[in-house]
Amino acid sequence: MSERGQFRRVAETGRRPVRLRVDGEAVEALDGDTVLVALLTAGRRLRDNEFERRPRAGFCLMGACQDCWIWRPDGGRVRACSTPVADGMDLLTRSPLEQWSIRAS
C-alpha cells in the first residue's frame, strides 16, 4: 500500500487484498473498501474536473453530491464513494465517450 495517498490506512489492515484496474493501471485495495477509498489511499485522484481539468477527490464522500461518478469501459457509471471494490474491477476516471473521441482525432 502506498504512503503517498490522500487517505492513510491506520486500522483494519488485515483484510483480504483486492486488485482492480483504473485507467489501465493496477490498484490494490482491501476487501470492504469503496472505490473512492481505494483510489485516494493509492495516491490517485478520483477524476479531473470537466471544466478546468483540475484533479478532483470527491466532495461530500457520502453519496449526496454527485461529484464522484467514474466509468466502466462499457460506458456505465459507478459512484466511487459508495461502490465496493471487487477483484478484477476495471474503471476509468474519464468518460469512455471522451476518450473514444480523443483517440479518433
Protein backbone atom coordinates (compact mmCIF):
# COMPACT_ATOMS: atom_id res chain seq x y z
CA MET A 1 0.00 0.00 0.00
CA SER A 2 1.24 3.47 -0.85
CA GLU A 3 2.06 6.05 1.80
CA ARG A 4 1.60 8.91 -0.68
CA GLY A 5 -2.19 8.92 -0.80
CA GLN A 6 -4.65 11.50 0.42
CA PHE A 7 -6.05 8.83 2.74
CA ARG A 8 -3.86 6.84 5.14
CA ARG A 9 -4.89 3.45 6.44
CA VAL A 10 -4.48 3.39 10.23
CA ALA A 11 -6.59 0.36 11.14
CA GLU A 12 -8.19 -2.75 9.62
CA THR A 13 -5.07 -3.60 7.65
CA GLY A 14 -5.60 -7.36 7.89
CA ARG A 15 -8.44 -7.59 5.36
CA ARG A 16 -8.07 -9.59 2.13
CA PRO A 17 -6.32 -7.69 -0.73
CA VAL A 18 -8.44 -6.84 -3.79
CA ARG A 19 -6.91 -5.95 -7.15
CA LEU A 20 -8.56 -3.69 -9.68
CA ARG A 21 -7.52 -1.58 -12.67
CA VAL A 22 -8.06 2.15 -13.01
CA ASP A 23 -7.19 3.80 -16.32
CA GLY A 24 -5.23 0.65 -17.16
CA GLU A 25 -3.09 0.80 -14.01
CA ALA A 26 -3.17 -1.75 -11.20
CA VAL A 27 -4.59 -0.54 -7.90
CA GLU A 28 -4.61 -2.63 -4.73
CA ALA A 29 -7.31 -2.16 -2.11
CA LEU A 30 -8.67 -4.16 0.79
CA ASP A 31 -11.91 -6.12 0.86
CA GLY A 32 -14.67 -3.79 2.07
CA ASP A 33 -13.10 -0.60 0.71
CA THR A 34 -15.10 1.63 -1.57
CA VAL A 35 -13.64 2.63 -4.93
CA LEU A 36 -13.06 6.13 -3.55
CA VAL A 37 -11.08 4.83 -0.56
CA ALA A 38 -9.03 2.60 -2.87
CA LEU A 39 -8.12 5.46 -5.20
CA LEU A 40 -7.34 8.03 -2.53
CA THR A 41 -5.32 5.56 -0.46
CA ALA A 42 -3.33 4.56 -3.55
CA GLY A 43 -2.35 8.18 -4.17
CA ARG A 44 -4.57 8.76 -7.17
CA ARG A 45 -7.06 11.47 -7.87
CA LEU A 46 -10.65 10.44 -8.33
CA ARG A 47 -11.05 12.19 -11.68
CA ASP A 48 -10.49 15.54 -13.39
CA ASN A 49 -12.94 18.43 -13.26
CA GLU A 50 -14.83 18.63 -16.56
CA PHE A 51 -14.28 22.37 -16.99
CA GLU A 52 -10.72 23.12 -15.89
CA ARG A 53 -9.14 19.62 -15.95
CA ARG A 54 -8.03 20.03 -12.34
CA PRO A 55 -7.84 16.94 -10.12
CA ARG A 56 -10.92 16.08 -8.04
CA ALA A 57 -11.07 13.83 -4.99
CA GLY A 58 -14.81 13.80 -4.40
CA PHE A 59 -16.75 16.36 -2.40
CA CYS A 60 -19.12 15.04 0.25
CA LEU A 61 -17.66 11.48 0.39
CA MET A 62 -21.07 10.05 1.35
CA GLY A 63 -23.16 9.81 -1.84
CA ALA A 64 -25.12 13.05 -1.70
CA CYS A 65 -23.35 15.42 -4.10
CA GLN A 66 -22.93 13.56 -7.46
CA ASP A 67 -19.21 14.52 -7.63
CA CYS A 68 -17.70 11.03 -7.50
CA TRP A 69 -19.08 9.36 -10.64
CA ILE A 70 -16.49 7.41 -12.63
CA TRP A 71 -16.95 4.98 -15.53
CA ARG A 72 -16.72 1.37 -16.57
CA PRO A 73 -15.20 0.74 -20.02
CA ASP A 74 -18.68 -0.09 -21.38
CA GLY A 75 -19.81 3.48 -20.58
CA GLY A 76 -21.75 2.66 -17.41
CA ARG A 77 -21.08 4.84 -14.39
CA VAL A 78 -20.37 3.92 -10.78
CA ARG A 79 -20.47 6.14 -7.73
CA ALA A 80 -16.99 5.77 -6.26
CA CYS A 81 -17.94 6.81 -2.72
CA SER A 82 -20.48 4.03 -2.27
CA THR A 83 -19.38 1.24 -4.68
CA PRO A 84 -17.38 -1.54 -3.00
CA VAL A 85 -14.23 -2.71 -4.78
CA ALA A 86 -14.23 -6.14 -6.41
CA ASP A 87 -11.41 -8.30 -7.75
CA GLY A 88 -10.90 -7.64 -11.45
CA MET A 89 -12.91 -4.42 -11.48
CA ASP A 90 -11.92 -2.18 -14.42
CA LEU A 91 -12.64 1.55 -14.13
CA LEU A 92 -11.94 4.80 -15.96
CA THR A 93 -11.59 8.27 -14.48
CA ARG A 94 -12.65 9.89 -17.77
CA SER A 95 -15.78 9.15 -19.73
CA PRO A 96 -15.21 6.46 -22.37
CA LEU A 97 -17.03 8.70 -24.85
CA GLU A 98 -14.49 11.44 -24.21
CA GLN A 99 -11.60 9.00 -24.55
CA TRP A 100 -13.04 7.47 -27.71
CA SER A 101 -13.37 10.90 -29.35
CA ILE A 102 -9.80 11.78 -28.36
CA ARG A 103 -8.47 8.55 -29.86
CA ALA A 104 -10.43 9.14 -33.08
CA SER A 105 -8.80 12.55 -33.69
